[in-house]
Amino acid sequence: MNRLNPSWSGPGGSREVLLISYPLILGYIFFTIQTFVDRLFLTWYSPEAGADPIAFVHIQDIAIVLLRFVALYSIFDTMNIIFSSGLRGAGDTMYPLALSTVLSWATLLVPVYIACVQLGGGVYIAWSPASAYIIFLGLFMMRRFRKGHWKALRVIEPNVLDLDEEP
């Protein structure tokens, strides 16, 4: 892969793609062995634990859909964590701050408030903008990291003044 595309051999290359594979595997598991995952997370609410069987069916139906949201956004959340940490570590701290602030208002807080509080939307309506926020955050952080603006930044400045000498 590195021979075909040399930009993948540097920071932000194949190593980060391998890190993203972890949530891809978890997402695949969430989608394929749904009943096992449901039982793993919902044993507290199961009829065997003394919960109401009708309420359990309702909670299980909601959990199945919400775990699909988690499977989708966990891929992009991993991208966000990897690339925003790289940007911050390289000294590009303003972009992650501004992006998370703008996106949280534009794709998360305002849409959820309008959809859920004003229009009476449910839990799925609330999770849709929340997932969109994480997806956009991951994609924009990856785009900024791949552009390489952070490579020109200096985190540790050279010693301009020699403090040991008397003026």
N, C-alpha and C. Protein backbone atom coordinates (compact mmCIF):
# COMPACT_ATOMS: atom_id res chain seq x y z
N MET A 1 0.82 -1.18 0.00
CA MET A 1 0.00 0.00 0.00
C MET A 1 0.87 1.25 0.00
N ASN A 2 1.95 1.25 0.74
CA ASN A 2 2.81 2.43 0.82
C ASN A 2 3.55 2.69 -0.48
N ARG A 3 3.82 1.66 -1.27
CA ARG A 3 4.51 1.87 -2.54
C ARG A 3 3.60 2.55 -3.56
N LEU A 4 2.32 2.27 -3.48
CA LEU A 4 1.39 2.85 -4.44
C LEU A 4 1.04 4.29 -4.09
N ASN A 5 0.94 4.61 -2.83
CA ASN A 5 0.58 5.94 -2.39
C ASN A 5 1.54 6.36 -1.29
N PRO A 6 2.59 7.11 -1.62
CA PRO A 6 3.61 7.45 -0.61
C PRO A 6 3.09 8.29 0.55
N SER A 7 1.97 9.00 0.39
CA SER A 7 1.46 9.80 1.50
C SER A 7 0.95 8.94 2.64
N TRP A 8 0.68 7.66 2.38
CA TRP A 8 0.21 6.77 3.43
C TRP A 8 1.35 6.30 4.33
N SER A 9 2.59 6.50 3.93
CA SER A 9 3.70 5.99 4.74
C SER A 9 4.07 6.93 5.87
N GLY A 10 3.63 8.18 5.82
CA GLY A 10 3.95 9.14 6.88
C GLY A 10 2.94 9.08 8.00
N PRO A 11 3.02 10.07 8.90
CA PRO A 11 2.02 10.13 9.97
C PRO A 11 0.63 10.30 9.38
N GLY A 12 -0.30 9.63 9.97
CA GLY A 12 -1.66 9.66 9.46
C GLY A 12 -1.88 8.67 8.34
N GLY A 13 -0.98 7.74 8.18
CA GLY A 13 -1.06 6.79 7.09
C GLY A 13 -1.63 5.45 7.50
N SER A 14 -0.93 4.40 7.16
CA SER A 14 -1.46 3.05 7.33
C SER A 14 -1.65 2.68 8.81
N ARG A 15 -0.84 3.22 9.69
CA ARG A 15 -1.00 2.91 11.11
C ARG A 15 -2.37 3.38 11.61
N GLU A 16 -2.79 4.57 11.20
CA GLU A 16 -4.08 5.08 11.63
C GLU A 16 -5.22 4.29 10.99
N VAL A 17 -5.01 3.80 9.77
CA VAL A 17 -6.03 2.97 9.14
C VAL A 17 -6.20 1.68 9.94
N LEU A 18 -5.11 1.14 10.45
CA LEU A 18 -5.21 -0.06 11.29
C LEU A 18 -5.93 0.25 12.59
N LEU A 19 -5.70 1.44 13.16
CA LEU A 19 -6.40 1.81 14.38
C LEU A 19 -7.90 1.96 14.15
N ILE A 20 -8.27 2.40 12.96
CA ILE A 20 -9.68 2.54 12.64
C ILE A 20 -10.33 1.18 12.44
N SER A 21 -9.56 0.17 12.15
CA SER A 21 -10.14 -1.16 11.93
C SER A 21 -10.78 -1.73 13.20
N TYR A 22 -10.32 -1.33 14.37
CA TYR A 22 -10.91 -1.83 15.62
C TYR A 22 -12.40 -1.49 15.73
N PRO A 23 -12.80 -0.22 15.58
CA PRO A 23 -14.24 0.04 15.63
C PRO A 23 -14.99 -0.55 14.44
N LEU A 24 -14.32 -0.75 13.31
CA LEU A 24 -14.98 -1.42 12.19
C LEU A 24 -15.36 -2.85 12.57
N ILE A 25 -14.46 -3.52 13.25
CA ILE A 25 -14.73 -4.89 13.69
C ILE A 25 -15.85 -4.89 14.72
N LEU A 26 -15.80 -3.96 15.67
CA LEU A 26 -16.87 -3.88 16.66
C LEU A 26 -18.21 -3.54 16.02
N GLY A 27 -18.19 -2.64 15.06
CA GLY A 27 -19.42 -2.31 14.35
C GLY A 27 -19.99 -3.50 13.61
N TYR A 28 -19.12 -4.27 13.00
CA TYR A 28 -19.56 -5.48 12.31
C TYR A 28 -20.19 -6.46 13.31
N ILE A 29 -19.56 -6.58 14.46
CA ILE A 29 -20.11 -7.47 15.50
C ILE A 29 -21.47 -6.97 15.97
N PHE A 30 -21.60 -5.65 16.17
CA PHE A 30 -22.88 -5.10 16.60
C PHE A 30 -23.98 -5.42 15.61
N PHE A 31 -23.66 -5.39 14.31
CA PHE A 31 -24.67 -5.65 13.30
C PHE A 31 -24.96 -7.14 13.12
N THR A 32 -23.95 -7.98 13.24
CA THR A 32 -24.14 -9.39 12.88
C THR A 32 -24.63 -10.26 14.03
N ILE A 33 -24.09 -10.08 15.20
CA ILE A 33 -24.54 -10.93 16.32
C ILE A 33 -25.31 -10.07 17.32
N GLN A 34 -26.36 -9.45 16.78
CA GLN A 34 -27.15 -8.48 17.53
C GLN A 34 -27.75 -9.08 18.81
N THR A 35 -28.25 -10.30 18.75
CA THR A 35 -28.90 -10.86 19.93
C THR A 35 -27.91 -11.07 21.06
N PHE A 36 -26.70 -11.52 20.75
CA PHE A 36 -25.70 -11.71 21.78
C PHE A 36 -25.34 -10.38 22.44
N VAL A 37 -25.15 -9.36 21.62
CA VAL A 37 -24.81 -8.04 22.14
C VAL A 37 -25.96 -7.49 22.98
N ASP A 38 -27.19 -7.71 22.50
CA ASP A 38 -28.35 -7.26 23.28
C ASP A 38 -28.38 -7.94 24.64
N ARG A 39 -28.17 -9.22 24.66
CA ARG A 39 -28.19 -9.95 25.93
C ARG A 39 -27.04 -9.50 26.83
N LEU A 40 -25.92 -9.17 26.22
CA LEU A 40 -24.77 -8.72 27.00
C LEU A 40 -25.08 -7.41 27.73
N PHE A 41 -25.74 -6.49 27.04
CA PHE A 41 -26.01 -5.17 27.62
C PHE A 41 -27.35 -5.08 28.33
N LEU A 42 -28.27 -5.95 28.04
CA LEU A 42 -29.62 -5.81 28.56
C LEU A 42 -30.00 -6.84 29.61
N THR A 43 -29.05 -7.54 30.19
CA THR A 43 -29.39 -8.56 31.17
C THR A 43 -30.03 -7.96 32.43
N TRP A 44 -29.74 -6.70 32.71
CA TRP A 44 -30.33 -6.07 33.89
C TRP A 44 -31.83 -5.88 33.72
N TYR A 45 -32.28 -5.75 32.49
CA TYR A 45 -33.69 -5.48 32.22
C TYR A 45 -34.44 -6.73 31.74
N SER A 46 -33.79 -7.86 31.75
CA SER A 46 -34.42 -9.07 31.20
C SER A 46 -35.51 -9.59 32.13
N PRO A 47 -36.45 -10.34 31.58
CA PRO A 47 -37.49 -10.93 32.43
C PRO A 47 -36.91 -11.86 33.49
N GLU A 48 -35.77 -12.48 33.19
CA GLU A 48 -35.12 -13.35 34.18
C GLU A 48 -34.62 -12.55 35.37
N ALA A 49 -34.33 -11.28 35.15
CA ALA A 49 -33.85 -10.43 36.25
C ALA A 49 -35.01 -9.78 37.00
N GLY A 50 -36.22 -10.13 36.63
CA GLY A 50 -37.38 -9.61 37.34
C GLY A 50 -38.03 -8.42 36.68
N ALA A 51 -37.61 -8.07 35.48
CA ALA A 51 -38.20 -6.92 34.79
C ALA A 51 -39.50 -7.34 34.11
N ASP A 52 -40.30 -6.38 33.79
CA ASP A 52 -41.56 -6.61 33.09
C ASP A 52 -41.26 -7.08 31.66
N PRO A 53 -41.76 -8.25 31.23
CA PRO A 53 -41.45 -8.77 29.89
C PRO A 53 -41.88 -7.84 28.76
N ILE A 54 -42.98 -7.14 28.93
CA ILE A 54 -43.44 -6.23 27.88
C ILE A 54 -42.50 -5.03 27.78
N ALA A 55 -42.10 -4.50 28.92
CA ALA A 55 -41.15 -3.38 28.92
C ALA A 55 -39.81 -3.82 28.35
N PHE A 56 -39.40 -5.05 28.63
CA PHE A 56 -38.12 -5.54 28.12
C PHE A 56 -38.12 -5.60 26.60
N VAL A 57 -39.20 -6.04 26.00
CA VAL A 57 -39.29 -6.11 24.54
C VAL A 57 -39.15 -4.71 23.95
N HIS A 58 -39.80 -3.74 24.57
CA HIS A 58 -39.70 -2.35 24.10
C HIS A 58 -38.27 -1.82 24.25
N ILE A 59 -37.65 -2.07 25.38
CA ILE A 59 -36.27 -1.63 25.61
C ILE A 59 -35.33 -2.34 24.64
N GLN A 60 -35.55 -3.61 24.39
CA GLN A 60 -34.70 -4.36 23.48
C GLN A 60 -34.80 -3.81 22.06
N ASP A 61 -35.99 -3.46 21.62
CA ASP A 61 -36.16 -2.88 20.28
C ASP A 61 -35.42 -1.55 20.16
N ILE A 62 -35.51 -0.72 21.18
CA ILE A 62 -34.79 0.55 21.17
C ILE A 62 -33.29 0.32 21.18
N ALA A 63 -32.83 -0.63 22.01
CA ALA A 63 -31.39 -0.90 22.12
C ALA A 63 -30.80 -1.41 20.82
N ILE A 64 -31.55 -2.20 20.07
CA ILE A 64 -31.05 -2.71 18.79
C ILE A 64 -30.74 -1.55 17.85
N VAL A 65 -31.65 -0.61 17.76
CA VAL A 65 -31.44 0.54 16.87
C VAL A 65 -30.31 1.42 17.39
N LEU A 66 -30.27 1.66 18.70
CA LEU A 66 -29.22 2.52 19.25
C LEU A 66 -27.83 1.90 19.11
N LEU A 67 -27.74 0.58 19.21
CA LEU A 67 -26.44 -0.06 18.98
C LEU A 67 -25.99 0.06 17.53
N ARG A 68 -26.92 0.18 16.63
CA ARG A 68 -26.56 0.44 15.23
C ARG A 68 -26.02 1.85 15.08
N PHE A 69 -26.60 2.79 15.80
CA PHE A 69 -26.04 4.14 15.82
C PHE A 69 -24.61 4.11 16.36
N VAL A 70 -24.41 3.37 17.45
CA VAL A 70 -23.08 3.26 18.06
C VAL A 70 -22.09 2.62 17.09
N ALA A 71 -22.53 1.58 16.40
CA ALA A 71 -21.66 0.91 15.43
C ALA A 71 -21.24 1.87 14.33
N LEU A 72 -22.14 2.72 13.89
CA LEU A 72 -21.81 3.67 12.83
C LEU A 72 -20.89 4.77 13.33
N TYR A 73 -21.25 5.41 14.44
CA TYR A 73 -20.46 6.57 14.83
C TYR A 73 -19.15 6.20 15.51
N SER A 74 -18.99 4.98 16.00
CA SER A 74 -17.73 4.63 16.66
C SER A 74 -16.55 4.64 15.68
N ILE A 75 -16.80 4.35 14.42
CA ILE A 75 -15.75 4.42 13.40
C ILE A 75 -15.26 5.86 13.29
N PHE A 76 -16.18 6.78 13.18
CA PHE A 76 -15.83 8.18 13.00
C PHE A 76 -15.33 8.81 14.30
N ASP A 77 -15.79 8.31 15.43
CA ASP A 77 -15.28 8.80 16.72
C ASP A 77 -13.81 8.41 16.88
N THR A 78 -13.47 7.23 16.43
CA THR A 78 -12.06 6.82 16.47
C THR A 78 -11.22 7.72 15.58
N MET A 79 -11.74 8.04 14.40
CA MET A 79 -11.02 8.96 13.52
C MET A 79 -10.84 10.31 14.20
N ASN A 80 -11.87 10.79 14.85
CA ASN A 80 -11.79 12.07 15.55
C ASN A 80 -10.72 12.03 16.64
N ILE A 81 -10.73 10.98 17.44
CA ILE A 81 -9.76 10.88 18.53
C ILE A 81 -8.33 10.84 17.99
N ILE A 82 -8.10 10.03 16.99
CA ILE A 82 -6.76 9.88 16.43
C ILE A 82 -6.26 11.18 15.81
N PHE A 83 -7.05 11.73 14.91
CA PHE A 83 -6.58 12.89 14.15
C PHE A 83 -6.60 14.17 14.96
N SER A 84 -7.58 14.36 15.83
CA SER A 84 -7.57 15.58 16.65
C SER A 84 -6.43 15.54 17.67
N SER A 85 -6.12 14.37 18.19
CA SER A 85 -4.98 14.27 19.10
C SER A 85 -3.68 14.55 18.38
N GLY A 86 -3.56 14.07 17.16
CA GLY A 86 -2.37 14.37 16.37
C GLY A 86 -2.24 15.86 16.08
N LEU A 87 -3.36 16.49 15.74
CA LEU A 87 -3.33 17.93 15.47
C LEU A 87 -2.97 18.72 16.72
N ARG A 88 -3.58 18.37 17.84
CA ARG A 88 -3.29 19.09 19.08
C ARG A 88 -1.86 18.87 19.53
N GLY A 89 -1.38 17.66 19.38
CA GLY A 89 0.01 17.37 19.76
C GLY A 89 1.01 18.11 18.89
N ALA A 90 0.64 18.39 17.65
CA ALA A 90 1.53 19.11 16.74
C ALA A 90 1.40 20.62 16.89
N GLY A 91 0.49 21.06 17.75
CA GLY A 91 0.35 22.48 18.00
C GLY A 91 -0.82 23.14 17.31
N ASP A 92 -1.56 22.40 16.51
CA ASP A 92 -2.74 22.96 15.83
C ASP A 92 -3.94 22.79 16.75
N THR A 93 -4.04 23.65 17.75
CA THR A 93 -5.09 23.50 18.75
C THR A 93 -6.34 24.32 18.42
N MET A 94 -6.18 25.36 17.63
CA MET A 94 -7.31 26.23 17.34
C MET A 94 -8.34 25.55 16.43
N TYR A 95 -7.89 24.78 15.45
CA TYR A 95 -8.82 24.13 14.53
C TYR A 95 -9.72 23.12 15.25
N PRO A 96 -9.18 22.20 16.06
CA PRO A 96 -10.09 21.28 16.77
C PRO A 96 -11.06 22.01 17.70
N LEU A 97 -10.59 23.07 18.36
CA LEU A 97 -11.46 23.84 19.24
C LEU A 97 -12.59 24.49 18.45
N ALA A 98 -12.24 25.19 17.38
CA ALA A 98 -13.25 25.89 16.58
C ALA A 98 -14.21 24.91 15.91
N LEU A 99 -13.66 23.82 15.38
CA LEU A 99 -14.51 22.84 14.70
C LEU A 99 -15.50 22.19 15.65
N SER A 100 -15.02 21.77 16.81
CA SER A 100 -15.93 21.12 17.76
C SER A 100 -16.99 22.10 18.28
N THR A 101 -16.63 23.36 18.44
CA THR A 101 -17.60 24.36 18.90
C THR A 101 -18.66 24.63 17.84
N VAL A 102 -18.21 24.88 16.62
CA VAL A 102 -19.15 25.20 15.54
C VAL A 102 -20.04 24.00 15.22
N LEU A 103 -19.42 22.82 15.10
CA LEU A 103 -20.22 21.63 14.78
C LEU A 103 -21.18 21.24 15.89
N SER A 104 -20.77 21.43 17.15
CA SER A 104 -21.68 21.06 18.24
C SER A 104 -22.93 21.93 18.22
N TRP A 105 -22.77 23.21 17.89
CA TRP A 105 -23.95 24.08 17.80
C TRP A 105 -24.74 23.81 16.53
N ALA A 106 -24.04 23.64 15.41
CA ALA A 106 -24.72 23.54 14.12
C ALA A 106 -25.36 22.17 13.87
N THR A 107 -24.72 21.10 14.33
CA THR A 107 -25.24 19.77 14.01
C THR A 107 -25.74 19.01 15.22
N LEU A 108 -25.53 19.53 16.41
CA LEU A 108 -25.92 18.76 17.59
C LEU A 108 -26.94 19.50 18.45
N LEU A 109 -26.55 20.59 19.07
CA LEU A 109 -27.40 21.24 20.06
C LEU A 109 -28.67 21.85 19.47
N VAL A 110 -28.51 22.68 18.46
CA VAL A 110 -29.68 23.35 17.89
C VAL A 110 -30.63 22.36 17.22
N PRO A 111 -30.15 21.44 16.36
CA PRO A 111 -31.09 20.49 15.76
C PRO A 111 -31.79 19.58 16.77
N VAL A 112 -31.07 19.12 17.78
CA VAL A 112 -31.71 18.26 18.78
C VAL A 112 -32.73 19.04 19.59
N TYR A 113 -32.41 20.27 19.94
CA TYR A 113 -33.37 21.08 20.69
C TYR A 113 -34.64 21.30 19.88
N ILE A 114 -34.47 21.67 18.62
CA ILE A 114 -35.64 21.91 17.78
C ILE A 114 -36.43 20.63 17.57
N ALA A 115 -35.74 19.54 17.21
CA ALA A 115 -36.42 18.29 16.88
C ALA A 115 -37.07 17.64 18.10
N CYS A 116 -36.38 17.66 19.22
CA CYS A 116 -36.89 16.93 20.39
C CYS A 116 -37.74 17.80 21.32
N VAL A 117 -37.27 18.98 21.64
CA VAL A 117 -38.00 19.81 22.60
C VAL A 117 -39.16 20.54 21.92
N GLN A 118 -38.88 21.17 20.79
CA GLN A 118 -39.92 21.95 20.12
C GLN A 118 -40.92 21.07 19.37
N LEU A 119 -40.42 20.03 18.67
CA LEU A 119 -41.29 19.21 17.84
C LEU A 119 -41.66 17.87 18.47
N GLY A 120 -41.10 17.55 19.63
CA GLY A 120 -41.47 16.34 20.35
C GLY A 120 -40.90 15.05 19.76
N GLY A 121 -39.74 15.12 19.15
CA GLY A 121 -39.12 13.92 18.58
C GLY A 121 -38.64 12.96 19.66
N GLY A 122 -38.41 11.75 19.28
CA GLY A 122 -38.00 10.72 20.23
C GLY A 122 -36.51 10.50 20.28
N VAL A 123 -36.14 9.36 20.82
CA VAL A 123 -34.74 9.04 21.05
C VAL A 123 -33.97 8.86 19.74
N TYR A 124 -34.61 8.30 18.74
CA TYR A 124 -33.94 8.12 17.45
C TYR A 124 -33.66 9.45 16.77
N ILE A 125 -34.58 10.37 16.92
CA ILE A 125 -34.39 11.71 16.37
C ILE A 125 -33.22 12.40 17.08
N ALA A 126 -33.08 12.19 18.37
CA ALA A 126 -31.98 12.80 19.13
C ALA A 126 -30.65 12.18 18.74
N TRP A 127 -30.62 10.88 18.48
CA TRP A 127 -29.37 10.22 18.15
C TRP A 127 -28.90 10.50 16.72
N SER A 128 -29.79 10.87 15.84
CA SER A 128 -29.39 11.16 14.46
C SER A 128 -28.46 12.36 14.36
N PRO A 129 -28.81 13.53 14.91
CA PRO A 129 -27.86 14.65 14.88
C PRO A 129 -26.60 14.38 15.70
N ALA A 130 -26.74 13.63 16.79
CA ALA A 130 -25.56 13.30 17.59
C ALA A 130 -24.59 12.46 16.78
N SER A 131 -25.11 11.52 16.04
CA SER A 131 -24.25 10.70 15.17
C SER A 131 -23.67 11.53 14.04
N ALA A 132 -24.47 12.42 13.48
CA ALA A 132 -23.98 13.30 12.41
C ALA A 132 -22.84 14.18 12.92
N TYR A 133 -22.96 14.66 14.14
CA TYR A 133 -21.90 15.48 14.74
C TYR A 133 -20.58 14.71 14.80
N ILE A 134 -20.62 13.48 15.29
CA ILE A 134 -19.41 12.66 15.40
C ILE A 134 -18.86 12.33 14.01
N ILE A 135 -19.74 12.03 13.07
CA ILE A 135 -19.30 11.70 11.71
C ILE A 135 -18.60 12.90 11.07
N PHE A 136 -19.22 14.07 11.13
CA PHE A 136 -18.59 15.27 10.56
C PHE A 136 -17.29 15.61 11.27
N LEU A 137 -17.26 15.47 12.58
CA LEU A 137 -16.05 15.76 13.34
C LEU A 137 -14.90 14.86 12.90
N GLY A 138 -15.16 13.56 12.78
CA GLY A 138 -14.13 12.63 12.33
C GLY A 138 -13.64 12.93 10.93
N LEU A 139 -14.57 13.22 10.02
CA LEU A 139 -14.18 13.49 8.63
C LEU A 139 -13.40 14.79 8.49
N PHE A 140 -13.85 15.84 9.18
CA PHE A 140 -13.14 17.12 9.09
C PHE A 140 -11.77 17.06 9.76
N MET A 141 -11.65 16.34 10.87
CA MET A 141 -10.34 16.20 11.52
C MET A 141 -9.38 15.42 10.63
N MET A 142 -9.87 14.37 9.99
CA MET A 142 -9.02 13.61 9.09
C MET A 142 -8.59 14.48 7.91
N ARG A 143 -9.52 15.26 7.36
CA ARG A 143 -9.18 16.12 6.24
C ARG A 143 -8.10 17.14 6.63
N ARG A 144 -8.25 17.74 7.80
CA ARG A 144 -7.25 18.72 8.26
C ARG A 144 -5.89 18.05 8.48
N PHE A 145 -5.90 16.87 9.08
CA PHE A 145 -4.65 16.17 9.34
C PHE A 145 -3.97 15.79 8.03
N ARG A 146 -4.74 15.29 7.07
CA ARG A 146 -4.18 14.84 5.79
C ARG A 146 -3.63 16.01 4.98
N LYS A 147 -4.16 17.22 5.16
CA LYS A 147 -3.64 18.38 4.44
C LYS A 147 -2.23 18.72 4.88
N GLY A 148 -1.88 18.44 6.14
CA GLY A 148 -0.52 18.60 6.61
C GLY A 148 -0.12 19.99 7.05
N HIS A 149 -1.08 20.87 7.32
CA HIS A 149 -0.74 22.22 7.80
C HIS A 149 0.03 22.17 9.12
N TRP A 150 -0.20 21.15 9.89
CA TRP A 150 0.42 21.01 11.19
C TRP A 150 1.93 20.78 11.08
N LYS A 151 2.40 20.33 9.92
CA LYS A 151 3.84 20.03 9.76
C LYS A 151 4.69 21.29 9.83
N ALA A 152 4.12 22.43 9.49
CA ALA A 152 4.87 23.69 9.52
C ALA A 152 4.86 24.35 10.90
N LEU A 153 4.07 23.84 11.82
CA LEU A 153 3.99 24.44 13.16
C LEU A 153 5.15 23.97 14.02
N ARG A 154 5.55 24.83 14.93
CA ARG A 154 6.62 24.50 15.87
C ARG A 154 6.02 24.48 17.27
N VAL A 155 6.16 23.36 17.94
CA VAL A 155 5.63 23.24 19.30
C VAL A 155 6.65 23.77 20.29
N ILE A 156 7.90 23.44 20.09
CA ILE A 156 8.98 23.89 20.97
C ILE A 156 9.85 24.85 20.16
N GLU A 157 9.86 26.08 20.59
CA GLU A 157 10.64 27.10 19.90
C GLU A 157 12.11 26.96 20.26
N PRO A 158 12.99 27.34 19.33
CA PRO A 158 14.41 27.30 19.65
C PRO A 158 14.75 28.35 20.71
N ASN A 159 15.81 28.12 21.44
CA ASN A 159 16.23 29.04 22.48
C ASN A 159 16.78 30.30 21.83
N VAL A 160 15.98 31.37 21.86
CA VAL A 160 16.36 32.62 21.20
C VAL A 160 17.36 33.38 22.06
N LEU A 161 17.11 33.46 23.33
CA LEU A 161 18.00 34.16 24.24
C LEU A 161 18.81 33.17 25.04
N ASP A 162 20.06 33.47 25.19
CA ASP A 162 20.90 32.63 26.03
C ASP A 162 20.82 33.23 27.44
N LEU A 163 20.10 32.58 28.31
CA LEU A 163 19.86 33.12 29.65
C LEU A 163 21.06 32.99 30.56
N ASP A 164 22.03 32.20 30.18
CA ASP A 164 23.20 32.02 31.03
C ASP A 164 24.15 33.21 30.96
N GLU A 165 24.12 33.95 29.86
CA GLU A 165 25.04 35.08 29.70
C GLU A 165 24.47 36.33 30.33
N GLU A 166 25.34 37.15 30.86
CA GLU A 166 24.95 38.44 31.42
C GLU A 166 24.80 39.43 30.27
N PRO A 167 23.79 40.33 30.29
CA PRO A 167 23.64 41.31 29.20
C PRO A 167 24.69 42.41 29.25
